[in-house]
Amino acid sequence: MTIHRMIRDGRLTKLEGLKAVRLRRSDIDKLFNFKSKKTEVIEEYKLPHFSNENYYSINEVLEKFGVSSGTFYNLCKKNNIPKIPKGKFVYVPRDLVNKIFNNE
């Protein structure tokens, strides 16, 4: 009902010619003054040479820092941590992971 009321009031505009109500993301962002707040740990980061001294496997991070896989996934996404798949394992740069967990 709220969406329909906003369309009727003119706060939102729906796309015409469709049976379902379709809205533009930009209209909703403007309505709520949404600004993307991404914290970036890396700026023009160059991946180090692949070796066990430079990378953690995901399981090593979960065990060492005591976080769940969902929490770590969200931290990687939030901080743009690159994930490198090698065989059946996925690795992340040690220095970036250490930087994240030392700050929190």
N, C-alpha and C. Protein backbone atom coordinates (compact mmCIF):
# COMPACT_ATOMS: atom_id res chain seq x y z
N MET A 1 0.82 -1.19 0.00
CA MET A 1 0.00 0.00 0.00
C MET A 1 0.87 1.26 0.00
N THR A 2 1.98 1.22 0.71
CA THR A 2 2.85 2.40 0.77
C THR A 2 3.38 2.76 -0.60
N ILE A 3 3.80 1.77 -1.36
CA ILE A 3 4.33 2.03 -2.70
C ILE A 3 3.24 2.62 -3.58
N HIS A 4 2.06 2.04 -3.54
CA HIS A 4 0.97 2.56 -4.36
C HIS A 4 0.60 3.99 -3.96
N ARG A 5 0.62 4.28 -2.67
CA ARG A 5 0.34 5.63 -2.19
C ARG A 5 1.40 6.62 -2.70
N MET A 6 2.67 6.21 -2.68
CA MET A 6 3.74 7.09 -3.15
C MET A 6 3.63 7.33 -4.66
N ILE A 7 3.20 6.32 -5.40
CA ILE A 7 2.99 6.50 -6.84
C ILE A 7 1.84 7.47 -7.08
N ARG A 8 0.75 7.30 -6.34
CA ARG A 8 -0.40 8.19 -6.47
C ARG A 8 -0.05 9.63 -6.10
N ASP A 9 0.76 9.80 -5.03
CA ASP A 9 1.17 11.14 -4.59
C ASP A 9 2.17 11.79 -5.53
N GLY A 10 2.84 11.00 -6.34
CA GLY A 10 3.84 11.55 -7.25
C GLY A 10 5.26 11.48 -6.71
N ARG A 11 5.44 10.89 -5.53
CA ARG A 11 6.79 10.76 -4.99
C ARG A 11 7.60 9.71 -5.74
N LEU A 12 6.92 8.73 -6.31
CA LEU A 12 7.56 7.71 -7.13
C LEU A 12 6.85 7.63 -8.47
N THR A 13 7.59 7.24 -9.50
CA THR A 13 6.97 7.03 -10.80
C THR A 13 7.20 5.58 -11.20
N LYS A 14 6.15 4.94 -11.69
CA LYS A 14 6.30 3.56 -12.11
C LYS A 14 6.54 3.52 -13.61
N LEU A 15 7.19 2.49 -14.06
CA LEU A 15 7.44 2.32 -15.48
C LEU A 15 6.15 1.89 -16.15
N GLU A 16 5.81 2.54 -17.23
CA GLU A 16 4.54 2.28 -17.92
C GLU A 16 4.66 1.08 -18.84
N GLY A 17 3.50 0.50 -19.16
CA GLY A 17 3.45 -0.58 -20.12
C GLY A 17 3.68 -1.95 -19.53
N LEU A 18 3.77 -2.05 -18.23
CA LEU A 18 4.00 -3.33 -17.57
C LEU A 18 2.84 -3.65 -16.64
N LYS A 19 2.53 -4.92 -16.50
CA LYS A 19 1.46 -5.30 -15.58
C LYS A 19 1.89 -5.12 -14.12
N ALA A 20 3.12 -5.50 -13.83
CA ALA A 20 3.63 -5.38 -12.46
C ALA A 20 4.13 -3.96 -12.23
N VAL A 21 4.20 -3.58 -10.98
CA VAL A 21 4.74 -2.26 -10.63
C VAL A 21 6.25 -2.35 -10.66
N ARG A 22 6.88 -1.57 -11.52
CA ARG A 22 8.34 -1.53 -11.63
C ARG A 22 8.79 -0.11 -11.34
N LEU A 23 9.82 0.02 -10.49
CA LEU A 23 10.35 1.32 -10.10
C LEU A 23 11.82 1.38 -10.45
N ARG A 24 12.30 2.58 -10.68
CA ARG A 24 13.74 2.76 -10.93
C ARG A 24 14.47 2.82 -9.59
N ARG A 25 15.61 2.17 -9.54
CA ARG A 25 16.42 2.19 -8.32
C ARG A 25 16.83 3.62 -7.96
N SER A 26 17.14 4.42 -8.97
CA SER A 26 17.57 5.79 -8.72
C SER A 26 16.46 6.60 -8.05
N ASP A 27 15.19 6.34 -8.41
CA ASP A 27 14.08 7.04 -7.77
C ASP A 27 13.98 6.68 -6.29
N ILE A 28 14.18 5.41 -5.98
CA ILE A 28 14.11 4.99 -4.58
C ILE A 28 15.29 5.55 -3.80
N ASP A 29 16.49 5.55 -4.42
CA ASP A 29 17.66 6.13 -3.76
C ASP A 29 17.46 7.60 -3.46
N LYS A 30 16.88 8.34 -4.40
CA LYS A 30 16.61 9.76 -4.18
C LYS A 30 15.59 9.96 -3.07
N LEU A 31 14.60 9.09 -3.02
CA LEU A 31 13.56 9.20 -2.00
C LEU A 31 14.13 9.09 -0.60
N PHE A 32 15.08 8.19 -0.42
CA PHE A 32 15.66 7.95 0.90
C PHE A 32 17.04 8.59 1.07
N ASN A 33 17.46 9.40 0.09
CA ASN A 33 18.79 10.03 0.13
C ASN A 33 19.87 9.00 0.41
N PHE A 34 19.79 7.87 -0.26
CA PHE A 34 20.71 6.77 -0.07
C PHE A 34 22.04 7.08 -0.71
N LYS A 35 23.10 6.92 0.05
CA LYS A 35 24.46 7.07 -0.47
C LYS A 35 25.22 5.81 -0.11
N SER A 36 25.89 5.26 -1.10
CA SER A 36 26.65 4.05 -0.88
C SER A 36 27.84 4.36 0.02
N LYS A 37 27.95 3.63 1.13
CA LYS A 37 29.05 3.85 2.07
C LYS A 37 29.93 2.61 2.06
N LYS A 38 30.86 2.56 1.14
CA LYS A 38 31.78 1.44 1.08
C LYS A 38 33.11 1.87 1.67
N THR A 39 33.57 1.09 2.62
CA THR A 39 34.91 1.34 3.13
C THR A 39 35.86 0.50 2.31
N GLU A 40 36.87 1.12 1.82
CA GLU A 40 37.81 0.40 0.99
C GLU A 40 39.16 0.33 1.68
N VAL A 41 39.61 -0.89 1.86
CA VAL A 41 40.93 -1.10 2.45
C VAL A 41 41.99 -0.97 1.38
N ILE A 42 41.63 -1.37 0.17
CA ILE A 42 42.64 -1.41 -0.88
C ILE A 42 42.42 -0.31 -1.90
N GLU A 43 43.47 0.36 -2.24
CA GLU A 43 43.47 1.34 -3.31
C GLU A 43 44.64 0.99 -4.21
N GLU A 44 44.32 0.59 -5.42
CA GLU A 44 45.34 0.18 -6.38
C GLU A 44 46.29 -0.85 -5.76
N TYR A 45 45.72 -1.84 -5.14
CA TYR A 45 46.48 -2.87 -4.45
C TYR A 45 46.99 -3.89 -5.47
N LYS A 46 48.25 -4.23 -5.38
CA LYS A 46 48.83 -5.26 -6.24
C LYS A 46 48.94 -6.54 -5.43
N LEU A 47 48.42 -7.61 -5.98
CA LEU A 47 48.46 -8.89 -5.28
C LEU A 47 49.91 -9.37 -5.14
N PRO A 48 50.28 -9.84 -3.95
CA PRO A 48 51.63 -10.36 -3.78
C PRO A 48 51.79 -11.70 -4.48
N HIS A 49 53.05 -12.10 -4.66
CA HIS A 49 53.36 -13.40 -5.26
C HIS A 49 52.69 -14.48 -4.43
N PHE A 50 52.13 -15.48 -5.10
CA PHE A 50 51.39 -16.51 -4.38
C PHE A 50 52.33 -17.46 -3.67
N SER A 51 52.24 -17.45 -2.34
CA SER A 51 52.94 -18.42 -1.50
C SER A 51 52.19 -18.48 -0.17
N ASN A 52 52.48 -19.50 0.62
CA ASN A 52 51.78 -19.66 1.89
C ASN A 52 52.08 -18.54 2.87
N GLU A 53 53.21 -17.86 2.71
CA GLU A 53 53.54 -16.75 3.61
C GLU A 53 52.72 -15.51 3.31
N ASN A 54 52.20 -15.38 2.10
CA ASN A 54 51.48 -14.18 1.68
C ASN A 54 49.97 -14.32 1.72
N TYR A 55 49.45 -15.54 1.85
CA TYR A 55 48.02 -15.77 1.76
C TYR A 55 47.51 -16.67 2.88
N TYR A 56 46.27 -16.42 3.31
CA TYR A 56 45.53 -17.32 4.19
C TYR A 56 44.53 -18.08 3.35
N SER A 57 44.25 -19.33 3.71
CA SER A 57 43.08 -19.98 3.15
C SER A 57 41.89 -19.49 3.97
N ILE A 58 40.70 -19.64 3.43
CA ILE A 58 39.51 -19.18 4.15
C ILE A 58 39.38 -19.90 5.49
N ASN A 59 39.64 -21.21 5.52
CA ASN A 59 39.55 -21.96 6.77
C ASN A 59 40.54 -21.47 7.81
N GLU A 60 41.75 -21.09 7.38
CA GLU A 60 42.74 -20.55 8.31
C GLU A 60 42.24 -19.25 8.94
N VAL A 61 41.61 -18.41 8.15
CA VAL A 61 41.08 -17.15 8.69
C VAL A 61 39.98 -17.42 9.70
N LEU A 62 39.08 -18.34 9.38
CA LEU A 62 37.97 -18.65 10.28
C LEU A 62 38.47 -19.19 11.61
N GLU A 63 39.48 -20.06 11.56
CA GLU A 63 40.03 -20.62 12.79
C GLU A 63 40.85 -19.60 13.58
N LYS A 64 41.69 -18.84 12.89
CA LYS A 64 42.60 -17.91 13.58
C LYS A 64 41.86 -16.76 14.24
N PHE A 65 40.87 -16.19 13.55
CA PHE A 65 40.19 -15.01 14.07
C PHE A 65 38.84 -15.33 14.70
N GLY A 66 38.40 -16.58 14.64
CA GLY A 66 37.17 -17.00 15.32
C GLY A 66 35.91 -16.34 14.79
N VAL A 67 35.81 -16.19 13.49
CA VAL A 67 34.61 -15.61 12.89
C VAL A 67 33.89 -16.67 12.07
N SER A 68 32.62 -16.41 11.81
CA SER A 68 31.86 -17.34 10.98
C SER A 68 32.16 -17.07 9.51
N SER A 69 31.82 -18.03 8.67
CA SER A 69 32.07 -17.86 7.24
C SER A 69 31.23 -16.73 6.67
N GLY A 70 30.01 -16.56 7.15
CA GLY A 70 29.15 -15.47 6.68
C GLY A 70 29.71 -14.11 7.04
N THR A 71 30.22 -13.99 8.27
CA THR A 71 30.82 -12.73 8.71
C THR A 71 32.04 -12.39 7.87
N PHE A 72 32.88 -13.39 7.63
CA PHE A 72 34.08 -13.14 6.84
C PHE A 72 33.73 -12.80 5.40
N TYR A 73 32.73 -13.48 4.84
CA TYR A 73 32.28 -13.17 3.47
C TYR A 73 31.82 -11.71 3.39
N ASN A 74 31.04 -11.27 4.37
CA ASN A 74 30.56 -9.88 4.37
C ASN A 74 31.71 -8.89 4.52
N LEU A 75 32.70 -9.21 5.35
CA LEU A 75 33.87 -8.33 5.49
C LEU A 75 34.65 -8.25 4.18
N CYS A 76 34.80 -9.37 3.49
CA CYS A 76 35.50 -9.37 2.20
C CYS A 76 34.75 -8.52 1.19
N LYS A 77 33.46 -8.64 1.18
CA LYS A 77 32.63 -7.88 0.24
C LYS A 77 32.68 -6.40 0.56
N LYS A 78 32.57 -6.07 1.84
CA LYS A 78 32.57 -4.67 2.28
C LYS A 78 33.90 -3.98 2.00
N ASN A 79 35.00 -4.71 2.17
CA ASN A 79 36.33 -4.12 2.03
C ASN A 79 37.02 -4.47 0.72
N ASN A 80 36.29 -5.06 -0.20
CA ASN A 80 36.83 -5.42 -1.53
C ASN A 80 38.09 -6.27 -1.45
N ILE A 81 38.06 -7.27 -0.59
CA ILE A 81 39.20 -8.18 -0.46
C ILE A 81 39.16 -9.18 -1.61
N PRO A 82 40.22 -9.28 -2.41
CA PRO A 82 40.21 -10.24 -3.52
C PRO A 82 40.35 -11.67 -3.01
N LYS A 83 39.61 -12.58 -3.63
CA LYS A 83 39.68 -14.00 -3.29
C LYS A 83 40.28 -14.73 -4.49
N ILE A 84 41.29 -15.55 -4.21
CA ILE A 84 42.00 -16.25 -5.27
C ILE A 84 41.72 -17.75 -5.15
N PRO A 85 40.98 -18.33 -6.09
CA PRO A 85 40.74 -19.78 -6.05
C PRO A 85 41.95 -20.53 -6.60
N LYS A 86 42.41 -21.50 -5.83
CA LYS A 86 43.52 -22.38 -6.25
C LYS A 86 43.10 -23.81 -5.92
N GLY A 87 42.79 -24.59 -6.94
CA GLY A 87 42.33 -25.95 -6.71
C GLY A 87 41.00 -25.93 -5.99
N LYS A 88 40.91 -26.68 -4.88
CA LYS A 88 39.65 -26.70 -4.15
C LYS A 88 39.63 -25.70 -2.98
N PHE A 89 40.66 -24.89 -2.84
CA PHE A 89 40.74 -23.90 -1.77
C PHE A 89 40.65 -22.49 -2.33
N VAL A 90 40.26 -21.56 -1.47
CA VAL A 90 40.19 -20.14 -1.82
C VAL A 90 41.09 -19.40 -0.85
N TYR A 91 41.92 -18.51 -1.38
CA TYR A 91 42.90 -17.79 -0.57
C TYR A 91 42.64 -16.29 -0.61
N VAL A 92 43.07 -15.62 0.49
CA VAL A 92 42.96 -14.17 0.59
C VAL A 92 44.31 -13.63 1.06
N PRO A 93 44.68 -12.41 0.65
CA PRO A 93 45.97 -11.84 1.06
C PRO A 93 46.06 -11.63 2.57
N ARG A 94 47.15 -12.10 3.17
CA ARG A 94 47.35 -11.99 4.62
C ARG A 94 47.36 -10.55 5.11
N ASP A 95 48.07 -9.68 4.41
CA ASP A 95 48.21 -8.32 4.90
C ASP A 95 46.87 -7.59 4.96
N LEU A 96 45.99 -7.83 3.99
CA LEU A 96 44.68 -7.18 4.01
C LEU A 96 43.79 -7.73 5.11
N VAL A 97 43.83 -9.04 5.31
CA VAL A 97 43.03 -9.65 6.36
C VAL A 97 43.52 -9.18 7.73
N ASN A 98 44.83 -9.14 7.92
CA ASN A 98 45.37 -8.66 9.19
C ASN A 98 45.00 -7.20 9.43
N LYS A 99 45.01 -6.40 8.39
CA LYS A 99 44.64 -4.99 8.51
C LYS A 99 43.19 -4.85 8.96
N ILE A 100 42.31 -5.67 8.40
CA ILE A 100 40.89 -5.61 8.77
C ILE A 100 40.69 -6.01 10.23
N PHE A 101 41.28 -7.12 10.65
CA PHE A 101 41.03 -7.61 12.00
C PHE A 101 41.81 -6.83 13.06
N ASN A 102 42.86 -6.15 12.70
CA ASN A 102 43.54 -5.29 13.68
C ASN A 102 42.79 -4.00 13.90
N ASN A 103 41.99 -3.56 12.90
CA ASN A 103 41.22 -2.33 13.03
C ASN A 103 39.93 -2.55 13.80
N GLU A 104 39.42 -3.79 13.85
CA GLU A 104 38.12 -4.02 14.49
C GLU A 104 38.28 -4.67 15.84
